[in-house]
Amino acid sequence: MKNLFAKLIALLLAVTILLGVVACSATENNPVIGKVGKVTITFSQYQSIYQQYAYYHMTGSLGDFDLNNYIKEQLIAYGVTLNRCYVEGIELTAEEEAELDKKVQEKLESSLSSIKVDESITDEQEIYEARLKQFKSNLRKNGTSFNKYMADMKQGLREDMLMEKLKDKVYAEITLADEEVKKYYDENIEKARETYSEKTEDYISKFYEAYSSYIQGDGMIPLFTPENLFSVKHVLVKFEKNVDDPKDGTLSEEAEELNEKTLELIKEGNSTTFAEFEEFVKENNDDPGMSNDAYIEHGYLMHEDLIGKYYDGFGYAAMKLFAGHDWEPTVKGEEDKDKDKEDTDNTADPTATPEATATPAVSPTPTPEPKTYDVEYYTLSDGTEIAAVRSKSGIHYIYIKDILEAGDVDFVDDPENEIWQNIHEFRLLELQQKHYEDRFNEWKAETKIKMKDDYIDQIASRVYGIKTN
């Protein structure tokens, strides 16, 4: 529930601009569908949230998810929070107003940047003016004016800033004493040992999820690490298109150049060190993950039970680097394979987008690959081993980044300790989110909420084909 509400807060702030932009005054084509305190909710706001999920709804990816009720709850949460800003008299300072104006201009320029103009126009100011003219024309065709568009956009951004100030104000009401950090550690270390031990089903997958949140800056560091976990990085030389058989993959001229540069660095007799290859990986790669700060610093987490989370061949080659060239995956029985397929089919994320990288593919239940792949090995001047393998997406040059130390995290009860700081940060955030949730529920109970549920349900059913309860 805590994680769900935290996501709600983040999503609420993220969609505020969108809601504000479409929060035009009520008209015959944009009727009022609700009132939350002083905040008016219109049909166009419902429509805007629906459009974010329209594809998944129309393709049936949402299953039994109650989309209509979800949208209504989003609108109510938006109204309750914004209304509270008005109740508490939260306003922007002169400095924040200047920041708002800057955001408005930046958003406008972002909208204009995608508009194509005559190639004969080369002066930057003339390009801007031509794009702006076309943009205004597009708005008129859609039944609105540039001035109204800008006013609505500014209102949406203003609401976003007001709600952010409200959140900061509520969060500031909660602090965490230093002695609470060790207390939290002592109370949770045994649970972590059990959660990430063989006693728990899918314990490696659970650790993977917690560790991924940690390196992305979204979660607390796992207090216990299982054995045989390591991380890898790679250079991906991407094929022109994904292939069923890696042997059929072809490289573009640009990719061929990257492949040759990589081989030149790692060929026999090279003088390349681990540190030098690390820099090369960062600057020369077809995997966008290798430009992500989290993966640059930590790499992709790997374990024998995780190889099914990655593209074919990638985990296989990584495991051979870690466990030895003679290592081979365990082949599962038909029952296990059928169960894995069933689990994957039932839990696929409709919002996931495929990427031709080594980043995790959808596979909630870790499954060793029953196939084998051709792997070539290279050694850098300092002894670092590189494994080259072809997958359906390209050629991977993989190396071990770190071997994770198994056991309890290196916690020291000292505010200067990095682990102490991480626990303090996320324990405090957890308490603040819980406090905000409690306050929000109080505001909601105090706020007069009147949604035209029957009318909204009719729209959802007749216009969008959404099932309603």
Protein backbone atom coordinates (compact mmCIF):
# COMPACT_ATOMS: atom_id res chain seq x y z
CA MET A 1 0.00 0.00 0.00
CA LYS A 2 2.88 2.35 0.83
CA ASN A 3 4.52 1.78 -2.54
CA LEU A 4 1.18 2.16 -4.29
CA PHE A 5 0.51 5.50 -2.62
CA ALA A 6 4.07 6.69 -3.34
CA LYS A 7 3.48 5.91 -7.01
CA LEU A 8 0.15 7.74 -6.82
CA ILE A 9 1.88 10.87 -5.51
CA ALA A 10 4.47 10.74 -8.30
CA LEU A 11 1.84 10.08 -10.97
CA LEU A 12 -0.42 12.77 -9.60
CA LEU A 13 2.33 15.36 -9.90
CA ALA A 14 3.29 14.08 -13.34
CA VAL A 15 -0.21 14.40 -14.81
CA THR A 16 -1.06 17.75 -13.23
CA ILE A 17 0.37 19.69 -16.14
CA LEU A 18 -1.63 17.58 -18.56
CA LEU A 19 -4.82 18.09 -16.60
CA GLY A 20 -4.16 21.80 -16.30
CA VAL A 21 -3.55 22.21 -20.01
CA VAL A 22 -6.89 20.63 -20.84
CA ALA A 23 -8.76 22.25 -17.93
CA CYS A 24 -10.53 24.62 -20.25
CA SER A 25 -13.66 26.29 -19.06
CA ALA A 26 -16.73 24.10 -19.30
CA THR A 27 -18.46 24.23 -22.66
CA GLU A 28 -21.08 22.18 -24.46
CA ASN A 29 -18.26 19.98 -25.83
CA ASN A 30 -16.40 19.92 -22.54
CA PRO A 31 -19.00 19.47 -19.80
CA VAL A 32 -18.34 19.50 -16.09
CA ILE A 33 -18.22 15.94 -14.75
CA GLY A 34 -17.41 16.71 -11.15
CA LYS A 35 -16.54 19.18 -8.45
CA VAL A 36 -13.92 18.54 -5.76
CA GLY A 37 -13.93 21.36 -3.27
CA LYS A 38 -13.16 24.48 -5.31
CA VAL A 39 -11.75 22.46 -8.21
CA THR A 40 -13.91 21.85 -11.27
CA ILE A 41 -13.35 18.59 -13.18
CA THR A 42 -14.24 18.53 -16.89
CA PHE A 43 -14.71 15.81 -19.48
CA SER A 44 -11.50 16.74 -21.32
CA GLN A 45 -9.52 15.90 -18.19
CA TYR A 46 -11.04 12.41 -18.09
CA GLN A 47 -10.26 12.08 -21.78
CA SER A 48 -6.62 13.08 -21.30
CA ILE A 49 -5.97 10.38 -18.71
CA TYR A 50 -7.81 7.81 -20.82
CA GLN A 51 -5.62 8.58 -23.83
CA GLN A 52 -2.55 7.52 -21.85
CA TYR A 53 -4.04 4.03 -21.54
CA ALA A 54 -6.08 3.88 -24.76
CA TYR A 55 -3.66 1.56 -26.59
CA TYR A 56 -3.53 -0.96 -23.74
CA HIS A 57 -7.29 -0.80 -23.31
CA MET A 58 -8.02 -1.33 -26.99
CA THR A 59 -5.57 -4.24 -27.25
CA GLY A 60 -6.98 -5.91 -24.15
CA SER A 61 -3.67 -5.68 -22.30
CA LEU A 62 -5.30 -4.28 -19.16
CA GLY A 63 -7.34 -7.42 -18.54
CA ASP A 64 -9.79 -6.95 -15.66
CA PHE A 65 -8.19 -3.69 -14.55
CA ASP A 66 -10.98 -1.20 -13.67
CA LEU A 67 -9.80 1.65 -15.89
CA ASN A 68 -12.90 3.80 -15.47
CA ASN A 69 -12.71 3.78 -11.69
CA TYR A 70 -8.94 4.34 -11.83
CA ILE A 71 -9.40 7.49 -13.94
CA LYS A 72 -12.07 8.80 -11.57
CA GLU A 73 -9.79 8.20 -8.58
CA GLN A 74 -6.99 10.05 -10.37
CA LEU A 75 -9.24 13.02 -10.99
CA ILE A 76 -10.47 13.03 -7.39
CA ALA A 77 -6.90 12.83 -6.05
CA TYR A 78 -5.93 15.73 -8.30
CA GLY A 79 -8.92 17.76 -7.11
CA VAL A 80 -8.39 16.99 -3.42
CA THR A 81 -4.71 17.91 -3.54
CA LEU A 82 -5.17 21.09 -5.55
CA ASN A 83 -8.11 22.13 -3.38
CA ARG A 84 -5.89 21.71 -0.31
CA CYS A 85 -3.40 24.11 -1.85
CA TYR A 86 -6.16 26.69 -2.07
CA VAL A 87 -7.38 25.97 1.48
CA GLU A 88 -3.90 26.43 2.94
CA GLY A 89 -3.26 29.54 0.87
CA ILE A 90 -0.17 28.15 -0.85
CA GLU A 91 1.14 30.65 -3.40
CA LEU A 92 4.21 31.07 -5.55
CA THR A 93 6.89 33.56 -4.57
CA ALA A 94 8.17 36.17 -7.03
CA GLU A 95 11.18 33.96 -7.66
CA GLU A 96 8.95 30.96 -8.31
CA GLU A 97 6.78 33.03 -10.66
CA ALA A 98 9.92 33.79 -12.68
CA GLU A 99 10.74 30.08 -12.69
CA LEU A 100 7.19 29.38 -13.88
CA ASP A 101 7.56 31.79 -16.81
CA LYS A 102 10.80 30.06 -17.75
CA LYS A 103 9.10 26.64 -17.67
CA VAL A 104 6.28 27.93 -19.87
CA GLN A 105 8.75 29.16 -22.48
CA GLU A 106 10.74 25.94 -22.37
CA LYS A 107 7.59 23.88 -22.85
CA LEU A 108 6.52 26.02 -25.77
CA GLU A 109 9.93 25.70 -27.42
CA SER A 110 9.77 21.94 -26.90
CA SER A 111 6.41 21.83 -28.67
CA LEU A 112 7.72 23.95 -31.53
CA SER A 113 10.90 21.90 -32.00
CA SER A 114 9.08 19.07 -33.80
CA ILE A 115 7.50 21.35 -36.40
CA LYS A 116 9.19 21.21 -39.80
CA VAL A 117 9.77 24.41 -41.76
CA ASP A 118 11.08 25.23 -45.22
CA GLU A 119 14.73 24.15 -45.46
CA SER A 120 15.57 27.44 -47.15
CA ILE A 121 15.03 29.20 -43.80
CA THR A 122 18.34 29.08 -41.92
CA ASP A 123 18.21 32.03 -39.51
CA GLU A 124 17.34 30.75 -36.01
CA GLN A 125 14.92 33.57 -35.23
CA GLU A 126 13.16 33.14 -38.57
CA ILE A 127 12.91 29.37 -37.97
CA TYR A 128 11.36 30.04 -34.55
CA GLU A 129 8.84 32.49 -36.01
CA ALA A 130 7.91 30.10 -38.85
CA ARG A 131 7.35 27.28 -36.40
CA LEU A 132 5.31 29.51 -34.12
CA LYS A 133 3.13 30.62 -37.03
CA GLN A 134 2.46 26.99 -38.00
CA PHE A 135 1.77 26.08 -34.38
CA LYS A 136 -0.82 28.84 -34.03
CA SER A 137 -2.45 27.71 -37.25
CA ASN A 138 -2.66 24.14 -35.95
CA LEU A 139 -4.31 25.36 -32.74
CA ARG A 140 -6.93 27.33 -34.66
CA LYS A 141 -7.75 24.23 -36.73
CA ASN A 142 -8.31 22.38 -33.45
CA GLY A 143 -10.72 25.02 -32.23
CA THR A 144 -8.59 26.94 -29.78
CA SER A 145 -6.35 29.99 -29.73
CA PHE A 146 -2.68 30.41 -28.96
CA ASN A 147 -3.41 32.71 -26.03
CA LYS A 148 -5.82 30.19 -24.48
CA TYR A 149 -3.35 27.36 -25.03
CA MET A 150 -0.61 29.33 -23.27
CA ALA A 151 -2.89 30.35 -20.41
CA ASP A 152 -4.02 26.76 -19.85
CA MET A 153 -0.47 25.46 -20.03
CA LYS A 154 0.73 28.05 -17.54
CA GLN A 155 -2.14 27.17 -15.20
CA GLY A 156 -1.21 23.50 -15.39
CA LEU A 157 2.43 24.26 -14.59
CA ARG A 158 1.36 26.57 -11.78
CA GLU A 159 -0.79 23.83 -10.25
CA ASP A 160 2.12 21.42 -10.52
CA MET A 161 4.35 23.81 -8.57
CA LEU A 162 1.66 24.50 -5.95
CA MET A 163 1.12 20.79 -5.34
CA GLU A 164 4.86 20.22 -5.12
CA LYS A 165 5.06 22.94 -2.46
CA LEU A 166 2.22 21.29 -0.56
CA LYS A 167 4.01 17.95 -0.66
CA ASP A 168 7.27 19.51 0.55
CA LYS A 169 5.41 21.24 3.37
CA VAL A 170 3.80 17.99 4.55
CA TYR A 171 7.06 16.03 4.20
CA ALA A 172 8.88 18.65 6.31
CA GLU A 173 6.58 17.80 9.23
CA ILE A 174 8.41 14.46 9.62
CA THR A 175 12.02 14.02 10.74
CA LEU A 176 14.09 10.97 11.66
CA ALA A 177 16.44 10.93 14.65
CA ASP A 178 19.89 9.45 14.07
CA GLU A 179 19.36 6.67 16.60
CA GLU A 180 16.38 5.44 14.57
CA VAL A 181 18.67 4.34 11.76
CA LYS A 182 20.44 1.62 13.74
CA LYS A 183 17.12 0.64 15.29
CA TYR A 184 15.65 0.15 11.83
CA TYR A 185 18.68 -1.88 10.74
CA ASP A 186 18.53 -4.12 13.82
CA GLU A 187 14.79 -4.69 13.37
CA ASN A 188 15.04 -5.58 9.67
CA ILE A 189 18.35 -7.38 9.13
CA GLU A 190 16.96 -10.80 10.10
CA LYS A 191 14.01 -10.36 7.74
CA ALA A 192 16.42 -9.46 4.92
CA ARG A 193 18.50 -12.58 5.60
CA GLU A 194 15.39 -14.72 5.30
CA THR A 195 13.91 -12.93 2.28
CA TYR A 196 17.12 -13.28 0.29
CA SER A 197 17.94 -16.85 1.29
CA GLU A 198 17.15 -20.19 -0.32
CA LYS A 199 14.32 -20.58 2.20
CA THR A 200 12.30 -18.08 0.16
CA GLU A 201 10.90 -18.90 -3.26
CA ASP A 202 12.38 -16.78 -6.06
CA TYR A 203 14.75 -15.14 -3.57
CA ILE A 204 17.21 -14.16 -6.30
CA SER A 205 14.46 -12.49 -8.31
CA LYS A 206 13.32 -10.62 -5.19
CA PHE A 207 16.87 -9.43 -4.56
CA TYR A 208 17.16 -8.39 -8.20
CA GLU A 209 14.08 -6.17 -7.90
CA ALA A 210 15.27 -4.56 -4.65
CA TYR A 211 18.81 -4.07 -5.94
CA SER A 212 17.58 -2.55 -9.21
CA SER A 213 15.52 0.00 -7.27
CA TYR A 214 18.54 0.79 -5.13
CA ILE A 215 20.98 1.47 -7.98
CA GLN A 216 18.36 3.59 -9.77
CA GLY A 217 18.04 5.73 -6.64
CA ASP A 218 14.46 4.62 -6.02
CA GLY A 219 14.91 2.34 -3.04
CA MET A 220 16.91 1.33 0.01
CA ILE A 221 19.95 -0.88 -0.35
CA PRO A 222 19.15 -4.57 0.33
CA LEU A 223 20.48 -5.30 3.84
CA PHE A 224 21.61 -8.80 2.85
CA THR A 225 23.16 -10.16 -0.36
CA PRO A 226 22.88 -13.82 -1.46
CA GLU A 227 25.87 -15.73 -2.81
CA ASN A 228 27.05 -15.93 -6.43
CA LEU A 229 25.79 -12.54 -7.58
CA PHE A 230 27.88 -10.41 -9.89
CA SER A 231 27.43 -7.60 -12.39
CA VAL A 232 28.48 -7.28 -16.01
CA LYS A 233 28.83 -4.57 -18.60
CA HIS A 234 29.23 -4.86 -22.34
CA VAL A 235 29.64 -3.26 -25.71
CA LEU A 236 26.62 -4.00 -27.89
CA VAL A 237 27.20 -3.85 -31.63
CA LYS A 238 23.65 -3.86 -32.87
CA PHE A 239 22.45 -5.76 -35.93
CA GLU A 240 20.53 -3.87 -38.60
CA LYS A 241 17.44 -5.71 -37.34
CA ASN A 242 16.65 -8.39 -34.75
CA VAL A 243 16.99 -11.93 -36.09
CA ASP A 244 15.73 -15.36 -35.04
CA ASP A 245 19.13 -16.95 -35.59
CA PRO A 246 22.10 -14.84 -34.34
CA LYS A 247 24.21 -16.20 -37.19
CA ASP A 248 21.95 -14.37 -39.65
CA GLY A 249 22.57 -10.93 -38.12
CA THR A 250 24.13 -8.28 -40.35
CA LEU A 251 25.89 -5.05 -39.40
CA SER A 252 25.49 -1.63 -40.93
CA GLU A 253 28.59 0.22 -42.04
CA GLU A 254 28.57 2.23 -38.81
CA ALA A 255 28.13 -0.88 -36.69
CA GLU A 256 30.92 -2.62 -38.56
CA GLU A 257 33.23 0.27 -37.64
CA LEU A 258 32.28 -0.09 -33.96
CA ASN A 259 32.89 -3.83 -34.13
CA GLU A 260 36.34 -3.32 -35.65
CA LYS A 261 37.24 -0.68 -33.04
CA THR A 262 36.20 -3.05 -30.26
CA LEU A 263 38.15 -5.99 -31.66
CA GLU A 264 41.22 -3.80 -32.12
CA LEU A 265 41.17 -2.97 -28.42
CA ILE A 266 40.80 -6.55 -27.20
CA LYS A 267 42.75 -8.59 -29.76
CA GLU A 268 45.71 -10.73 -28.70
CA GLY A 269 48.73 -8.68 -27.62
CA ASN A 270 46.62 -5.62 -26.73
CA SER A 271 47.74 -3.09 -24.11
CA THR A 272 44.18 -2.19 -23.05
CA THR A 273 43.40 -2.11 -19.32
CA PHE A 274 40.09 -2.63 -17.55
CA ALA A 275 39.82 1.12 -16.81
CA GLU A 276 40.44 2.01 -20.46
CA PHE A 277 37.87 -0.47 -21.69
CA GLU A 278 35.37 0.92 -19.16
CA GLU A 279 35.75 4.35 -20.77
CA PHE A 280 35.41 2.85 -24.23
CA VAL A 281 32.16 1.07 -23.25
CA LYS A 282 30.71 4.35 -22.00
CA GLU A 283 31.42 6.24 -25.22
CA ASN A 284 31.06 3.50 -27.86
CA ASN A 285 27.89 1.46 -27.54
CA ASP A 286 24.58 0.63 -29.20
CA ASP A 287 23.05 -0.19 -25.80
CA PRO A 288 21.42 2.95 -24.33
CA GLY A 289 21.62 1.25 -20.92
CA MET A 290 25.35 1.77 -20.98
CA SER A 291 24.78 5.53 -20.91
CA ASN A 292 22.49 5.22 -17.87
CA ASP A 293 24.31 6.40 -14.74
CA ALA A 294 23.08 3.45 -12.67
CA TYR A 295 24.29 0.84 -15.14
CA ILE A 296 27.52 2.72 -15.86
CA GLU A 297 28.38 2.57 -12.16
CA HIS A 298 26.96 -0.84 -11.24
CA GLY A 299 26.43 -2.80 -14.45
CA TYR A 300 23.70 -5.41 -15.04
CA LEU A 301 23.07 -7.74 -12.11
CA MET A 302 23.70 -11.39 -12.96
CA HIS A 303 23.20 -14.81 -11.38
CA GLU A 304 22.50 -18.25 -12.77
CA ASP A 305 18.83 -17.81 -11.86
CA LEU A 306 18.67 -14.47 -13.71
CA ILE A 307 19.92 -15.35 -17.17
CA GLY A 308 16.35 -15.77 -18.42
CA LYS A 309 15.81 -12.05 -17.75
CA TYR A 310 18.24 -11.11 -20.51
CA TYR A 311 18.41 -11.63 -24.23
CA ASP A 312 19.38 -15.08 -25.40
CA GLY A 313 23.11 -15.77 -25.15
CA PHE A 314 23.92 -12.74 -23.01
CA GLY A 315 23.44 -14.45 -19.65
CA TYR A 316 24.99 -17.65 -20.97
CA ALA A 317 28.26 -15.90 -21.84
CA ALA A 318 28.22 -13.90 -18.60
CA MET A 319 27.90 -17.08 -16.53
CA LYS A 320 30.84 -18.66 -18.34
CA LEU A 321 32.97 -15.67 -17.34
CA PHE A 322 31.91 -16.06 -13.72
CA ALA A 323 31.66 -19.83 -13.23
CA GLY A 324 34.24 -20.99 -15.77
CA HIS A 325 34.24 -21.86 -19.45
CA ASP A 326 32.97 -25.38 -18.70
CA TRP A 327 29.77 -24.08 -17.10
CA GLU A 328 26.54 -25.11 -18.83
CA PRO A 329 22.92 -24.20 -17.92
CA THR A 330 20.58 -26.65 -16.27
CA VAL A 331 17.93 -27.89 -18.68
CA LYS A 332 14.48 -27.80 -17.08
CA GLY A 333 11.82 -30.44 -17.45
CA GLU A 334 8.73 -29.81 -19.54
CA GLU A 335 6.60 -29.06 -16.46
CA ASP A 336 8.99 -26.31 -15.33
CA LYS A 337 9.14 -24.79 -18.80
CA ASP A 338 5.35 -24.81 -19.13
CA LYS A 339 5.01 -23.14 -15.71
CA ASP A 340 7.53 -20.45 -16.68
CA LYS A 341 5.65 -19.71 -19.88
CA GLU A 342 2.34 -19.53 -18.00
CA ASP A 343 3.81 -17.17 -15.39
CA THR A 344 5.30 -14.94 -18.09
CA ASP A 345 2.05 -14.80 -20.07
CA ASN A 346 0.04 -13.89 -16.97
CA THR A 347 2.33 -11.13 -15.73
CA ALA A 348 3.49 -9.33 -18.87
CA ASP A 349 3.64 -5.57 -18.33
CA PRO A 350 1.51 -3.80 -20.98
CA THR A 351 3.64 -0.68 -20.60
CA ALA A 352 6.93 -2.47 -21.36
CA THR A 353 8.66 -1.48 -24.60
CA PRO A 354 11.10 -3.81 -26.39
CA GLU A 355 14.70 -2.63 -26.80
CA ALA A 356 17.50 -4.30 -28.70
CA THR A 357 19.81 -4.18 -25.70
CA ALA A 358 20.98 -6.40 -22.89
CA THR A 359 18.45 -4.88 -20.56
CA PRO A 360 16.00 -7.27 -18.89
CA ALA A 361 13.30 -8.82 -21.03
CA VAL A 362 9.90 -9.63 -19.47
CA SER A 363 10.43 -12.83 -17.47
CA PRO A 364 9.23 -12.56 -13.87
CA THR A 365 10.25 -16.16 -13.07
CA PRO A 366 14.02 -16.60 -13.64
CA THR A 367 14.65 -19.47 -16.03
CA PRO A 368 18.06 -20.84 -17.14
CA GLU A 369 18.41 -21.01 -20.90
CA PRO A 370 18.41 -24.60 -22.13
CA LYS A 371 20.37 -23.66 -25.25
CA THR A 372 24.11 -23.14 -25.75
CA TYR A 373 25.86 -20.43 -27.73
CA ASP A 374 29.23 -19.93 -29.36
CA VAL A 375 31.42 -17.78 -27.13
CA GLU A 376 34.83 -16.33 -27.96
CA TYR A 377 37.17 -15.13 -25.22
CA TYR A 378 39.64 -12.27 -25.17
CA THR A 379 41.97 -11.07 -22.43
CA LEU A 380 43.01 -7.48 -21.72
CA SER A 381 46.56 -6.61 -20.69
CA ASP A 382 45.66 -6.63 -16.99
CA GLY A 383 43.96 -10.03 -17.15
CA THR A 384 40.34 -8.85 -17.55
CA GLU A 385 38.44 -11.42 -19.61
CA ILE A 386 35.98 -10.47 -22.35
CA ALA A 387 33.35 -12.88 -23.70
CA ALA A 388 31.97 -12.24 -27.18
CA VAL A 389 28.59 -13.74 -28.08
CA ARG A 390 25.94 -13.11 -30.71
CA SER A 391 22.29 -12.73 -29.71
CA LYS A 392 19.21 -11.88 -31.76
CA SER A 393 19.97 -8.17 -31.28
CA GLY A 394 23.69 -8.00 -32.00
CA ILE A 395 27.20 -8.87 -30.88
CA HIS A 396 27.95 -8.47 -27.16
CA TYR A 397 31.45 -8.01 -25.73
CA ILE A 398 30.83 -8.79 -22.06
CA TYR A 399 33.03 -8.47 -18.99
CA ILE A 400 32.52 -8.73 -15.24
CA LYS A 401 32.17 -5.36 -13.54
CA ASP A 402 31.91 -6.47 -9.89
CA ILE A 403 31.39 -9.56 -7.79
CA LEU A 404 28.95 -8.72 -5.02
CA GLU A 405 30.06 -9.59 -1.50
CA ALA A 406 27.61 -12.05 0.04
CA GLY A 407 26.22 -11.52 3.53
CA ASP A 408 25.07 -8.58 5.61
CA VAL A 409 25.54 -5.11 4.18
CA ASP A 410 28.54 -3.21 5.56
CA PHE A 411 26.53 -1.08 8.00
CA VAL A 412 28.26 1.22 10.50
CA ASP A 413 26.25 3.34 12.93
CA ASP A 414 27.84 6.57 11.74
CA PRO A 415 26.17 9.40 9.75
CA GLU A 416 29.31 9.50 7.61
CA ASN A 417 28.77 5.89 6.53
CA GLU A 418 27.29 5.60 3.02
CA ILE A 419 24.99 2.71 3.98
CA TRP A 420 23.78 4.63 7.06
CA GLN A 421 22.94 7.60 4.84
CA ASN A 422 21.04 5.43 2.37
CA ILE A 423 18.96 3.81 5.12
CA HIS A 424 18.28 7.20 6.71
CA GLU A 425 17.19 8.70 3.39
CA PHE A 426 14.74 5.98 2.44
CA ARG A 427 13.43 5.25 5.93
CA LEU A 428 12.66 8.96 6.27
CA LEU A 429 11.02 8.98 2.84
CA GLU A 430 8.92 5.97 3.80
CA LEU A 431 7.69 7.75 6.94
CA GLN A 432 7.03 10.96 5.01
CA GLN A 433 5.01 9.13 2.37
CA LYS A 434 2.97 7.41 5.06
CA HIS A 435 2.38 10.79 6.73
CA TYR A 436 1.33 12.32 3.40
CA GLU A 437 -1.04 9.40 2.82
CA ASP A 438 -2.64 9.99 6.21
CA ARG A 439 -2.96 13.71 5.57
CA PHE A 440 -4.38 13.11 2.10
CA ASN A 441 -7.04 10.80 3.52
CA GLU A 442 -7.94 13.51 6.05
CA TRP A 443 -8.22 16.12 3.29
CA LYS A 444 -10.35 13.79 1.22
CA ALA A 445 -12.72 13.17 4.14
CA GLU A 446 -13.05 16.93 4.69
CA THR A 447 -13.56 17.82 1.02
CA LYS A 448 -16.93 17.94 -0.64
CA ILE A 449 -16.68 15.62 -3.63
CA LYS A 450 -19.44 15.41 -6.19
CA MET A 451 -18.70 13.37 -9.30
CA LYS A 452 -21.36 12.69 -11.93
CA ASP A 453 -20.72 8.95 -11.77
CA ASP A 454 -23.68 7.87 -13.90
CA TYR A 455 -22.76 10.34 -16.63
CA ILE A 456 -19.07 9.36 -16.49
CA ASP A 457 -19.95 5.66 -16.63
CA GLN A 458 -22.11 6.25 -19.70
CA ILE A 459 -19.25 8.03 -21.46
CA ALA A 460 -16.80 5.30 -20.46
CA SER A 461 -19.11 2.58 -21.75
CA ARG A 462 -20.59 4.16 -24.88
CA VAL A 463 -17.68 6.28 -26.13
CA TYR A 464 -14.65 4.27 -25.03
CA GLY A 465 -16.10 0.80 -24.57
CA ILE A 466 -14.82 0.57 -20.99
CA LYS A 467 -16.56 -1.89 -18.73
CA THR A 468 -18.14 -0.19 -15.70
CA ASN A 469 -19.31 -1.61 -12.41
